[in-house]
Amino acid sequence: MKQKIVIKVFMNDHKCRSKALKISVGVVGVESAALTGSEKDQVEVVGEGVDAVELTRQLRKNVAYAELVSVVEHKKEQSNSTPPPPPVIWPYNGFPHYQICEATYDPPRICTIM
């Protein structure tokens, strides 16, 4: 079962944000990780079999204070858009047509008197 984990981490600069993403991606079972929230202070992790408590502990130990906000089942978003049109298939024309040109050869006449 895929789960979506949201952890709020108190980060001050870009270095802390990149470090938090590196740690969250390094955990076994993580498929995607992203920074969310108004101030990019939440790490959203999607994966299967991810230990949320252990991930929060690692973020507390290596980055800054972190608190576990939510753990919910991840559902794929279904779009109601129309399916893409089928690809254009061009007809096969076969072999190219060659023009036929006849070359005629008139042998010289033996009798030149006439």
PDB file of N, CA and C in Angstrom:
ATOM      1  N   MET A   1       0.840  -1.169   0.000  1.00  0.00           N
ATOM      2  CA  MET A   1       0.000   0.000   0.000  1.00  0.00           C
ATOM      3  C   MET A   1       0.892   1.242   0.000  1.00  0.00           C
ATOM      4  N   LYS A   2       0.677   2.096  -0.964  1.00  0.00           N
ATOM      5  CA  LYS A   2       1.430   3.344  -1.023  1.00  0.00           C
ATOM      6  C   LYS A   2       0.882   4.303   0.018  1.00  0.00           C
ATOM      7  N   GLN A   3       1.793   5.043   0.607  1.00  0.00           N
ATOM      8  CA  GLN A   3       1.371   6.018   1.598  1.00  0.00           C
ATOM      9  C   GLN A   3       2.042   7.354   1.337  1.00  0.00           C
ATOM     10  N   LYS A   4       1.340   8.393   1.735  1.00  0.00           N
ATOM     11  CA  LYS A   4       1.825   9.764   1.581  1.00  0.00           C
ATOM     12  C   LYS A   4       2.098  10.309   2.977  1.00  0.00           C
ATOM     13  N   ILE A   5       3.353  10.699   3.203  1.00  0.00           N
ATOM     14  CA  ILE A   5       3.783  11.176   4.513  1.00  0.00           C
ATOM     15  C   ILE A   5       4.146  12.646   4.394  1.00  0.00           C
ATOM     16  N   VAL A   6       3.619  13.465   5.291  1.00  0.00           N
ATOM     17  CA  VAL A   6       3.943  14.890   5.324  1.00  0.00           C
ATOM     18  C   VAL A   6       4.629  15.182   6.655  1.00  0.00           C
ATOM     19  N   ILE A   7       5.848  15.745   6.565  1.00  0.00           N
ATOM     20  CA  ILE A   7       6.639  16.070   7.754  1.00  0.00           C
ATOM     21  C   ILE A   7       6.994  17.543   7.697  1.00  0.00           C
ATOM     22  N   LYS A   8       6.711  18.251   8.777  1.00  0.00           N
ATOM     23  CA  LYS A   8       7.060  19.671   8.843  1.00  0.00           C
ATOM     24  C   LYS A   8       8.446  19.792   9.467  1.00  0.00           C
ATOM     25  N   VAL A   9       9.354  20.413   8.713  1.00  0.00           N
ATOM     26  CA  VAL A   9      10.733  20.582   9.168  1.00  0.00           C
ATOM     27  C   VAL A   9      11.024  22.072   9.202  1.00  0.00           C
ATOM     28  N   PHE A  10      11.595  22.544  10.291  1.00  0.00           N
ATOM     29  CA  PHE A  10      11.929  23.961  10.410  1.00  0.00           C
ATOM     30  C   PHE A  10      13.273  24.207   9.730  1.00  0.00           C
ATOM     31  N   MET A  11      13.207  24.743   8.503  1.00  0.00           N
ATOM     32  CA  MET A  11      14.403  24.964   7.688  1.00  0.00           C
ATOM     33  C   MET A  11      14.555  26.453   7.424  1.00  0.00           C
ATOM     34  N   ASN A  12      15.799  26.931   7.469  1.00  0.00           N
ATOM     35  CA  ASN A  12      16.055  28.351   7.288  1.00  0.00           C
ATOM     36  C   ASN A  12      16.581  28.701   5.900  1.00  0.00           C
ATOM     37  N   ASP A  13      17.389  27.845   5.317  1.00  0.00           N
ATOM     38  CA  ASP A  13      18.024  28.192   4.044  1.00  0.00           C
ATOM     39  C   ASP A  13      17.919  27.033   3.056  1.00  0.00           C
ATOM     40  N   HIS A  14      18.451  27.270   1.858  1.00  0.00           N
ATOM     41  CA  HIS A  14      18.376  26.273   0.788  1.00  0.00           C
ATOM     42  C   HIS A  14      19.226  25.044   1.101  1.00  0.00           C
ATOM     43  N   LYS A  15      20.291  25.241   1.852  1.00  0.00           N
ATOM     44  CA  LYS A  15      21.156  24.115   2.199  1.00  0.00           C
ATOM     45  C   LYS A  15      20.398  23.105   3.058  1.00  0.00           C
ATOM     46  N   CYS A  16      19.629  23.585   4.007  1.00  0.00           N
ATOM     47  CA  CYS A  16      18.829  22.692   4.855  1.00  0.00           C
ATOM     48  C   CYS A  16      17.746  21.990   4.042  1.00  0.00           C
ATOM     49  N   ARG A  17      17.159  22.711   3.098  1.00  0.00           N
ATOM     50  CA  ARG A  17      16.114  22.106   2.262  1.00  0.00           C
ATOM     51  C   ARG A  17      16.682  20.972   1.411  1.00  0.00           C
ATOM     52  N   SER A  18      17.840  21.208   0.788  1.00  0.00           N
ATOM     53  CA  SER A  18      18.431  20.162  -0.050  1.00  0.00           C
ATOM     54  C   SER A  18      18.888  18.984   0.803  1.00  0.00           C
ATOM     55  N   LYS A  19      19.377  19.241   1.996  1.00  0.00           N
ATOM     56  CA  LYS A  19      19.792  18.169   2.896  1.00  0.00           C
ATOM     57  C   LYS A  19      18.587  17.333   3.324  1.00  0.00           C
ATOM     58  N   ALA A  20      17.462  17.984   3.597  1.00  0.00           N
ATOM     59  CA  ALA A  20      16.248  17.266   3.987  1.00  0.00           C
ATOM     60  C   ALA A  20      15.747  16.390   2.842  1.00  0.00           C
ATOM     61  N   LEU A  21      15.809  16.896   1.619  1.00  0.00           N
ATOM     62  CA  LEU A  21      15.386  16.089   0.472  1.00  0.00           C
ATOM     63  C   LEU A  21      16.318  14.905   0.260  1.00  0.00           C
ATOM     64  N   LYS A  22      17.630  15.105   0.430  1.00  0.00           N
ATOM     65  CA  LYS A  22      18.579  13.999   0.276  1.00  0.00           C
ATOM     66  C   LYS A  22      18.308  12.900   1.295  1.00  0.00           C
ATOM     67  N   ILE A  23      18.037  13.289   2.517  1.00  0.00           N
ATOM     68  CA  ILE A  23      17.770  12.302   3.565  1.00  0.00           C
ATOM     69  C   ILE A  23      16.473  11.557   3.279  1.00  0.00           C
ATOM     70  N   SER A  24      15.437  12.276   2.869  1.00  0.00           N
ATOM     71  CA  SER A  24      14.143  11.629   2.633  1.00  0.00           C
ATOM     72  C   SER A  24      14.175  10.714   1.412  1.00  0.00           C
ATOM     73  N   VAL A  25      14.955  11.046   0.404  1.00  0.00           N
ATOM     74  CA  VAL A  25      15.049  10.182  -0.778  1.00  0.00           C
ATOM     75  C   VAL A  25      15.899   8.958  -0.479  1.00  0.00           C
ATOM     76  N   GLY A  26      16.821   9.067   0.466  1.00  0.00           N
ATOM     77  CA  GLY A  26      17.701   7.958   0.803  1.00  0.00           C
ATOM     78  C   GLY A  26      17.044   6.847   1.593  1.00  0.00           C
ATOM     79  N   VAL A  27      15.850   7.043   2.075  1.00  0.00           N
ATOM     80  CA  VAL A  27      15.154   6.021   2.862  1.00  0.00           C
ATOM     81  C   VAL A  27      14.612   4.944   1.920  1.00  0.00           C
ATOM     82  N   VAL A  28      14.677   3.702   2.374  1.00  0.00           N
ATOM     83  CA  VAL A  28      14.220   2.572   1.557  1.00  0.00           C
ATOM     84  C   VAL A  28      12.710   2.645   1.357  1.00  0.00           C
ATOM     85  N   GLY A  29      12.264   2.497   0.108  1.00  0.00           N
ATOM     86  CA  GLY A  29      10.838   2.467  -0.212  1.00  0.00           C
ATOM     87  C   GLY A  29      10.278   3.777  -0.705  1.00  0.00           C
ATOM     88  N   VAL A  30      11.067   4.847  -0.694  1.00  0.00           N
ATOM     89  CA  VAL A  30      10.578   6.158  -1.129  1.00  0.00           C
ATOM     90  C   VAL A  30      10.585   6.213  -2.652  1.00  0.00           C
ATOM     91  N   GLU A  31       9.457   6.607  -3.230  1.00  0.00           N
ATOM     92  CA  GLU A  31       9.349   6.751  -4.679  1.00  0.00           C
ATOM     93  C   GLU A  31       9.492   8.198  -5.121  1.00  0.00           C
ATOM     94  N   SER A  32       8.972   9.139  -4.327  1.00  0.00           N
ATOM     95  CA  SER A  32       9.109  10.552  -4.671  1.00  0.00           C
ATOM     96  C   SER A  32       9.087  11.383  -3.399  1.00  0.00           C
ATOM     97  N   ALA A  33       9.775  12.517  -3.485  1.00  0.00           N
ATOM     98  CA  ALA A  33       9.810  13.445  -2.359  1.00  0.00           C
ATOM     99  C   ALA A  33       9.763  14.856  -2.910  1.00  0.00           C
ATOM    100  N   ALA A  34       9.057  15.739  -2.219  1.00  0.00           N
ATOM    101  CA  ALA A  34       8.926  17.121  -2.684  1.00  0.00           C
ATOM    102  C   ALA A  34       8.748  18.039  -1.488  1.00  0.00           C
ATOM    103  N   LEU A  35       9.122  19.294  -1.692  1.00  0.00           N
ATOM    104  CA  LEU A  35       8.905  20.322  -0.678  1.00  0.00           C
ATOM    105  C   LEU A  35       7.566  20.985  -0.948  1.00  0.00           C
ATOM    106  N   THR A  36       6.728  21.064   0.064  1.00  0.00           N
ATOM    107  CA  THR A  36       5.418  21.686  -0.086  1.00  0.00           C
ATOM    108  C   THR A  36       5.225  22.699   1.027  1.00  0.00           C
ATOM    109  N   GLY A  37       4.088  23.325   1.025  1.00  0.00           N
ATOM    110  CA  GLY A  37       3.775  24.324   2.039  1.00  0.00           C
ATOM    111  C   GLY A  37       4.027  25.722   1.514  1.00  0.00           C
ATOM    112  N   SER A  38       3.528  26.694   2.243  1.00  0.00           N
ATOM    113  CA  SER A  38       3.648  28.079   1.795  1.00  0.00           C
ATOM    114  C   SER A  38       5.085  28.567   1.838  1.00  0.00           C
ATOM    115  N   GLU A  39       5.862  28.105   2.806  1.00  0.00           N
ATOM    116  CA  GLU A  39       7.254  28.530   2.927  1.00  0.00           C
ATOM    117  C   GLU A  39       8.225  27.406   2.579  1.00  0.00           C
ATOM    118  N   LYS A  40       7.757  26.397   1.883  1.00  0.00           N
ATOM    119  CA  LYS A  40       8.558  25.218   1.536  1.00  0.00           C
ATOM    120  C   LYS A  40       9.155  24.587   2.796  1.00  0.00           C
ATOM    121  N   ASP A  41       8.325  24.462   3.809  1.00  0.00           N
ATOM    122  CA  ASP A  41       8.800  23.932   5.077  1.00  0.00           C
ATOM    123  C   ASP A  41       8.260  22.537   5.377  1.00  0.00           C
ATOM    124  N   GLN A  42       7.577  21.927   4.415  1.00  0.00           N
ATOM    125  CA  GLN A  42       7.054  20.582   4.605  1.00  0.00           C
ATOM    126  C   GLN A  42       7.660  19.659   3.557  1.00  0.00           C
ATOM    127  N   VAL A  43       8.045  18.476   3.990  1.00  0.00           N
ATOM    128  CA  VAL A  43       8.567  17.453   3.089  1.00  0.00           C
ATOM    129  C   VAL A  43       7.453  16.442   2.872  1.00  0.00           C
ATOM    130  N   GLU A  44       7.067  16.261   1.617  1.00  0.00           N
ATOM    131  CA  GLU A  44       6.014  15.306   1.270  1.00  0.00           C
ATOM    132  C   GLU A  44       6.666  14.106   0.598  1.00  0.00           C
ATOM    133  N   VAL A  45       6.515  12.938   1.203  1.00  0.00           N
ATOM    134  CA  VAL A  45       7.159  11.715   0.730  1.00  0.00           C
ATOM    135  C   VAL A  45       6.076  10.722   0.334  1.00  0.00           C
ATOM    136  N   VAL A  46       6.229  10.118  -0.848  1.00  0.00           N
ATOM    137  CA  VAL A  46       5.307   9.084  -1.314  1.00  0.00           C
ATOM    138  C   VAL A  46       6.122   7.816  -1.524  1.00  0.00           C
ATOM    139  N   GLY A  47       5.638   6.712  -0.951  1.00  0.00           N
ATOM    140  CA  GLY A  47       6.354   5.459  -1.113  1.00  0.00           C
ATOM    141  C   GLY A  47       5.596   4.301  -0.509  1.00  0.00           C
ATOM    142  N   GLU A  48       6.198   3.135  -0.654  1.00  0.00           N
ATOM    143  CA  GLU A  48       5.568   1.922  -0.150  1.00  0.00           C
ATOM    144  C   GLU A  48       6.471   1.312   0.917  1.00  0.00           C
ATOM    145  N   GLY A  49       5.933   1.099   2.088  1.00  0.00           N
ATOM    146  CA  GLY A  49       6.694   0.499   3.176  1.00  0.00           C
ATOM    147  C   GLY A  49       7.684   1.449   3.827  1.00  0.00           C
ATOM    148  N   VAL A  50       7.406   2.737   3.814  1.00  0.00           N
ATOM    149  CA  VAL A  50       8.295   3.732   4.415  1.00  0.00           C
ATOM    150  C   VAL A  50       7.953   3.867   5.896  1.00  0.00           C
ATOM    151  N   ASP A  51       8.973   3.834   6.744  1.00  0.00           N
ATOM    152  CA  ASP A  51       8.774   4.017   8.180  1.00  0.00           C
ATOM    153  C   ASP A  51       8.770   5.513   8.466  1.00  0.00           C
ATOM    154  N   ALA A  52       7.601   6.062   8.755  1.00  0.00           N
ATOM    155  CA  ALA A  52       7.444   7.504   8.940  1.00  0.00           C
ATOM    156  C   ALA A  52       8.151   7.992  10.195  1.00  0.00           C
ATOM    157  N   VAL A  53       8.131   7.205  11.251  1.00  0.00           N
ATOM    158  CA  VAL A  53       8.764   7.616  12.505  1.00  0.00           C
ATOM    159  C   VAL A  53      10.278   7.666  12.335  1.00  0.00           C
ATOM    160  N   GLU A  54      10.841   6.667  11.671  1.00  0.00           N
ATOM    161  CA  GLU A  54      12.288   6.642  11.454  1.00  0.00           C
ATOM    162  C   GLU A  54      12.728   7.794  10.557  1.00  0.00           C
ATOM    163  N   LEU A  55      11.940   8.101   9.543  1.00  0.00           N
ATOM    164  CA  LEU A  55      12.257   9.230   8.666  1.00  0.00           C
ATOM    165  C   LEU A  55      12.230  10.543   9.447  1.00  0.00           C
ATOM    166  N   THR A  56      11.258  10.702  10.325  1.00  0.00           N
ATOM    167  CA  THR A  56      11.181  11.911  11.150  1.00  0.00           C
ATOM    168  C   THR A  56      12.381  12.005  12.092  1.00  0.00           C
ATOM    169  N   ARG A  57      12.791  10.881  12.661  1.00  0.00           N
ATOM    170  CA  ARG A  57      13.969  10.877  13.544  1.00  0.00           C
ATOM    171  C   ARG A  57      15.232  11.281  12.791  1.00  0.00           C
ATOM    172  N   GLN A  58      15.389  10.756  11.578  1.00  0.00           N
ATOM    173  CA  GLN A  58      16.580  11.099  10.793  1.00  0.00           C
ATOM    174  C   GLN A  58      16.597  12.578  10.438  1.00  0.00           C
ATOM    175  N   LEU A  59      15.431  13.130  10.111  1.00  0.00           N
ATOM    176  CA  LEU A  59      15.377  14.560   9.798  1.00  0.00           C
ATOM    177  C   LEU A  59      15.673  15.403  11.038  1.00  0.00           C
ATOM    178  N   ARG A  60      15.191  14.980  12.203  1.00  0.00           N
ATOM    179  CA  ARG A  60      15.491  15.710  13.441  1.00  0.00           C
ATOM    180  C   ARG A  60      16.983  15.672  13.755  1.00  0.00           C
ATOM    181  N   LYS A  61      17.585  14.513  13.553  1.00  0.00           N
ATOM    182  CA  LYS A  61      18.989  14.327  13.902  1.00  0.00           C
ATOM    183  C   LYS A  61      19.914  15.093  12.965  1.00  0.00           C
ATOM    184  N   ASN A  62      19.607  15.103  11.666  1.00  0.00           N
ATOM    185  CA  ASN A  62      20.542  15.647  10.686  1.00  0.00           C
ATOM    186  C   ASN A  62      20.210  17.049  10.195  1.00  0.00           C
ATOM    187  N   VAL A  63      18.964  17.487  10.277  1.00  0.00           N
ATOM    188  CA  VAL A  63      18.603  18.796   9.720  1.00  0.00           C
ATOM    189  C   VAL A  63      18.194  19.746  10.832  1.00  0.00           C
ATOM    190  N   ALA A  64      16.988  19.600  11.329  1.00  0.00           N
ATOM    191  CA  ALA A  64      16.461  20.494  12.360  1.00  0.00           C
ATOM    192  C   ALA A  64      15.249  19.816  12.989  1.00  0.00           C
ATOM    193  N   TYR A  65      14.543  20.550  13.840  1.00  0.00           N
ATOM    194  CA  TYR A  65      13.359  19.996  14.480  1.00  0.00           C
ATOM    195  C   TYR A  65      12.324  19.638  13.419  1.00  0.00           C
ATOM    196  N   ALA A  66      11.751  18.446  13.533  1.00  0.00           N
ATOM    197  CA  ALA A  66      10.765  17.975  12.565  1.00  0.00           C
ATOM    198  C   ALA A  66       9.600  17.356  13.308  1.00  0.00           C
ATOM    199  N   GLU A  67       8.409  17.557  12.778  1.00  0.00           N
ATOM    200  CA  GLU A  67       7.226  16.938  13.373  1.00  0.00           C
ATOM    201  C   GLU A  67       6.405  16.279  12.275  1.00  0.00           C
ATOM    202  N   LEU A  68       5.881  15.122  12.596  1.00  0.00           N
ATOM    203  CA  LEU A  68       5.088  14.339  11.662  1.00  0.00           C
ATOM    204  C   LEU A  68       3.685  14.925  11.598  1.00  0.00           C
ATOM    205  N   VAL A  69       3.280  15.381  10.405  1.00  0.00           N
ATOM    206  CA  VAL A  69       1.976  16.026  10.245  1.00  0.00           C
ATOM    207  C   VAL A  69       0.903  15.004   9.910  1.00  0.00           C
ATOM    208  N   SER A  70       1.139  14.192   8.878  1.00  0.00           N
ATOM    209  CA  SER A  70       0.105  13.229   8.489  1.00  0.00           C
ATOM    210  C   SER A  70       0.707  12.055   7.739  1.00  0.00           C
ATOM    211  N   VAL A  71       0.021  10.923   7.860  1.00  0.00           N
ATOM    212  CA  VAL A  71       0.331   9.718   7.094  1.00  0.00           C
ATOM    213  C   VAL A  71      -0.998   9.215   6.559  1.00  0.00           C
ATOM    214  N   VAL A  72      -1.172   9.284   5.241  1.00  0.00           N
ATOM    215  CA  VAL A  72      -2.422   8.842   4.620  1.00  0.00           C
ATOM    216  C   VAL A  72      -2.108   7.928   3.443  1.00  0.00           C
ATOM    217  N   GLU A  73      -3.123   7.183   3.025  1.00  0.00           N
ATOM    218  CA  GLU A  73      -2.977   6.328   1.855  1.00  0.00           C
ATOM    219  C   GLU A  73      -2.926   7.205   0.612  1.00  0.00           C
ATOM    220  N   HIS A  74      -1.968   6.919  -0.251  1.00  0.00           N
ATOM    221  CA  HIS A  74      -1.793   7.716  -1.467  1.00  0.00           C
ATOM    222  C   HIS A  74      -2.720   7.189  -2.558  1.00  0.00           C
ATOM    223  N   LYS A  75      -3.534   8.083  -3.093  1.00  0.00           N
ATOM    224  CA  LYS A  75      -4.439   7.736  -4.187  1.00  0.00           C
ATOM    225  C   LYS A  75      -4.008   8.500  -5.414  1.00  0.00           C
ATOM    226  N   LYS A  76      -3.966   7.803  -6.532  1.00  0.00           N
ATOM    227  CA  LYS A  76      -3.615   8.475  -7.780  1.00  0.00           C
ATOM    228  C   LYS A  76      -4.739   9.412  -8.177  1.00  0.00           C
ATOM    229  N   GLU A  77      -4.345  10.571  -8.647  1.00  0.00           N
ATOM    230  CA  GLU A  77      -5.338  11.535  -9.111  1.00  0.00           C
ATOM    231  C   GLU A  77      -5.796  11.134 -10.510  1.00  0.00           C
ATOM    232  N   GLN A  78      -7.108  11.053 -10.674  1.00  0.00           N
ATOM    233  CA  GLN A  78      -7.648  10.694 -11.974  1.00  0.00           C
ATOM    234  C   GLN A  78      -8.048  11.966 -12.695  1.00  0.00           C
ATOM    235  N   SER A  79      -7.575  12.090 -13.888  1.00  0.00           N
ATOM    236  CA  SER A  79      -7.930  13.269 -14.678  1.00  0.00           C
ATOM    237  C   SER A  79      -9.131  12.931 -15.555  1.00  0.00           C
ATOM    238  N   ASN A  80     -10.030  13.869 -15.681  1.00  0.00           N
ATOM    239  CA  ASN A  80     -11.229  13.675 -16.486  1.00  0.00           C
ATOM    240  C   ASN A  80     -11.038  14.182 -17.903  1.00  0.00           C
ATOM    241  N   SER A  81      -9.829  14.369 -18.298  1.00  0.00           N
ATOM    242  CA  SER A  81      -9.582  14.866 -19.647  1.00  0.00           C
ATOM    243  C   SER A  81      -9.801  13.743 -20.658  1.00  0.00           C
ATOM    244  N   THR A  82      -9.984  14.140 -21.887  1.00  0.00           N
ATOM    245  CA  THR A  82     -10.202  13.167 -22.947  1.00  0.00           C
ATOM    246  C   THR A  82      -8.895  12.452 -23.247  1.00  0.00           C
ATOM    247  N   PRO A  83      -8.985  11.217 -23.709  1.00  0.00           N
ATOM    248  CA  PRO A  83      -7.754  10.497 -24.041  1.00  0.00           C
ATOM    249  C   PRO A  83      -7.080  11.146 -25.250  1.00  0.00           C
ATOM    250  N   PRO A  84      -5.786  11.011 -25.354  1.00  0.00           N
ATOM    251  CA  PRO A  84      -5.088  11.634 -26.479  1.00  0.00           C
ATOM    252  C   PRO A  84      -5.534  11.004 -27.795  1.00  0.00           C
ATOM    253  N   PRO A  85      -5.532  11.777 -28.863  1.00  0.00           N
ATOM    254  CA  PRO A  85      -5.956  11.223 -30.148  1.00  0.00           C
ATOM    255  C   PRO A  85      -4.968  10.162 -30.623  1.00  0.00           C
ATOM    256  N   PRO A  86      -5.462   9.200 -31.395  1.00  0.00           N
ATOM    257  CA  PRO A  86      -4.555   8.153 -31.876  1.00  0.00           C
ATOM    258  C   PRO A  86      -3.527   8.744 -32.833  1.00  0.00           C
ATOM    259  N   PRO A  87      -2.361   8.146 -32.918  1.00  0.00           N
ATOM    260  CA  PRO A  87      -1.331   8.682 -33.806  1.00  0.00           C
ATOM    261  C   PRO A  87      -1.741   8.550 -35.270  1.00  0.00           C
ATOM    262  N   VAL A  88      -1.218   9.443 -36.082  1.00  0.00           N
ATOM    263  CA  VAL A  88      -1.527   9.434 -37.507  1.00  0.00           C
ATOM    264  C   VAL A  88      -0.760   8.295 -38.162  1.00  0.00           C
ATOM    265  N   ILE A  89      -1.463   7.477 -38.901  1.00  0.00           N
ATOM    266  CA  ILE A  89      -0.836   6.365 -39.606  1.00  0.00           C
ATOM    267  C   ILE A  89      -0.880   6.678 -41.091  1.00  0.00           C
ATOM    268  N   TRP A  90       0.282   6.831 -41.656  1.00  0.00           N
ATOM    269  CA  TRP A  90       0.365   7.146 -43.072  1.00  0.00           C
ATOM    270  C   TRP A  90       0.267   5.862 -43.885  1.00  0.00           C
ATOM    271  N   PRO A  91      -0.468   5.900 -45.024  1.00  0.00           N
ATOM    272  CA  PRO A  91      -0.609   4.691 -45.834  1.00  0.00           C
ATOM    273  C   PRO A  91       0.718   4.320 -46.493  1.00  0.00           C
ATOM    274  N   TYR A  92       0.887   3.032 -46.679  1.00  0.00           N
ATOM    275  CA  TYR A  92       2.095   2.528 -47.312  1.00  0.00           C
ATOM    276  C   TYR A  92       1.877   2.540 -48.820  1.00  0.00           C
ATOM    277  N   ASN A  93       2.740   3.221 -49.554  1.00  0.00           N
ATOM    278  CA  ASN A  93       2.567   3.373 -50.993  1.00  0.00           C
ATOM    279  C   ASN A  93       3.221   2.267 -51.800  1.00  0.00           C
ATOM    280  N   GLY A  94       3.926   1.405 -51.237  1.00  0.00           N
ATOM    281  CA  GLY A  94       4.563   0.326 -51.974  1.00  0.00           C
ATOM    282  C   GLY A  94       5.846   0.784 -52.633  1.00  0.00           C
ATOM    283  N   PHE A  95       6.135   0.168 -53.781  1.00  0.00           N
ATOM    284  CA  PHE A  95       7.369   0.480 -54.490  1.00  0.00           C
ATOM    285  C   PHE A  95       7.178   1.704 -55.370  1.00  0.00           C
ATOM    286  N   PRO A  96       8.233   2.470 -55.618  1.00  0.00           N
ATOM    287  CA  PRO A  96       8.097   3.642 -56.487  1.00  0.00           C
ATOM    288  C   PRO A  96       7.874   3.214 -57.938  1.00  0.00           C
ATOM    289  N   HIS A  97       7.166   4.049 -58.678  1.00  0.00           N
ATOM    290  CA  HIS A  97       6.890   3.763 -60.077  1.00  0.00           C
ATOM    291  C   HIS A  97       8.012   4.335 -60.930  1.00  0.00           C
ATOM    292  N   TYR A  98       8.538   3.510 -61.821  1.00  0.00           N
ATOM    293  CA  TYR A  98       9.601   3.948 -62.714  1.00  0.00           C
ATOM    294  C   TYR A  98       9.002   4.209 -64.091  1.00  0.00           C
ATOM    295  N   GLN A  99       9.493   5.237 -64.756  1.00  0.00           N
ATOM    296  CA  GLN A  99       9.029   5.521 -66.104  1.00  0.00           C
ATOM    297  C   GLN A  99       9.752   4.598 -67.082  1.00  0.00           C
ATOM    298  N   ILE A 100       8.993   4.132 -68.048  1.00  0.00           N
ATOM    299  CA  ILE A 100       9.566   3.241 -69.056  1.00  0.00           C
ATOM    300  C   ILE A 100       9.896   4.074 -70.285  1.00  0.00           C
ATOM    301  N   CYS A 101      11.111   3.978 -70.715  1.00  0.00           N
ATOM    302  CA  CYS A 101      11.571   4.738 -71.874  1.00  0.00           C
ATOM    303  C   CYS A 101      12.200   3.755 -72.852  1.00  0.00           C
ATOM    304  N   GLU A 102      11.688   3.703 -74.106  1.00  0.00           N
ATOM    305  CA  GLU A 102      12.220   2.768 -75.089  1.00  0.00           C
ATOM    306  C   GLU A 102      13.282   3.459 -75.929  1.00  0.00           C
ATOM    307  N   ALA A 103      14.391   2.810 -76.058  1.00  0.00           N
ATOM    308  CA  ALA A 103      15.462   3.322 -76.917  1.00  0.00           C
ATOM    309  C   ALA A 103      15.510   2.433 -78.157  1.00  0.00           C
ATOM    310  N   THR A 104      15.398   3.041 -79.295  1.00  0.00           N
ATOM    311  CA  THR A 104      15.424   2.265 -80.549  1.00  0.00           C
ATOM    312  C   THR A 104      16.773   2.444 -81.223  1.00  0.00           C
ATOM    313  N   TYR A 105      17.191   1.403 -81.888  1.00  0.00           N
ATOM    314  CA  TYR A 105      18.471   1.425 -82.577  1.00  0.00           C
ATOM    315  C   TYR A 105      18.232   1.018 -84.023  1.00  0.00           C
ATOM    316  N   ASP A 106      18.559   1.890 -84.932  1.00  0.00           N
ATOM    317  CA  ASP A 106      18.456   1.583 -86.361  1.00  0.00           C
ATOM    318  C   ASP A 106      19.845   1.213 -86.867  1.00  0.00           C
ATOM    319  N   PRO A 107      19.989  -0.034 -87.313  1.00  0.00           N
ATOM    320  CA  PRO A 107      21.300  -0.415 -87.852  1.00  0.00           C
ATOM    321  C   PRO A 107      21.548   0.312 -89.184  1.00  0.00           C
ATOM    322  N   PRO A 108      22.784   0.615 -89.497  1.00  0.00           N
ATOM    323  CA  PRO A 108      23.048   1.296 -90.773  1.00  0.00           C
ATOM    324  C   PRO A 108      22.659   0.404 -91.952  1.00  0.00           C
ATOM    325  N   ARG A 109      22.174   1.047 -92.980  1.00  0.00           N
ATOM    326  CA  ARG A 109      21.745   0.282 -94.159  1.00  0.00           C
ATOM    327  C   ARG A 109      22.965  -0.110 -94.990  1.00  0.00           C
ATOM    328  N   ILE A 110      22.910  -1.295 -95.463  1.00  0.00           N
ATOM    329  CA  ILE A 110      24.039  -1.795 -96.241  1.00  0.00           C
ATOM    330  C   ILE A 110      24.031  -1.201 -97.652  1.00  0.00           C
ATOM    331  N   CYS A 111      22.899  -1.065 -98.216  1.00  0.00           N
ATOM    332  CA  CYS A 111      22.804  -0.548 -99.577  1.00  0.00           C
ATOM    333  C   CYS A 111      22.632   0.959 -99.520  1.00  0.00           C
ATOM    334  N   THR A 112      23.599   1.700-100.029  1.00  0.00           N
ATOM    335  CA  THR A 112      23.544   3.144 -99.974  1.00  0.00           C
ATOM    336  C   THR A 112      23.088   3.774-101.278  1.00  0.00           C
ATOM    337  N   ILE A 113      22.868   3.011-102.327  1.00  0.00           N
ATOM    338  CA  ILE A 113      22.455   3.537-103.614  1.00  0.00           C
ATOM    339  C   ILE A 113      21.003   3.978-103.553  1.00  0.00           C
ATOM    340  N   MET A 114      20.234   3.347-102.982  1.00  0.00           N
ATOM    341  CA  MET A 114      18.836   3.703-102.981  1.00  0.00           C
ATOM    342  C   MET A 114      18.609   4.852-102.151  1.00  0.00           C
TER     343      MET A 114
END
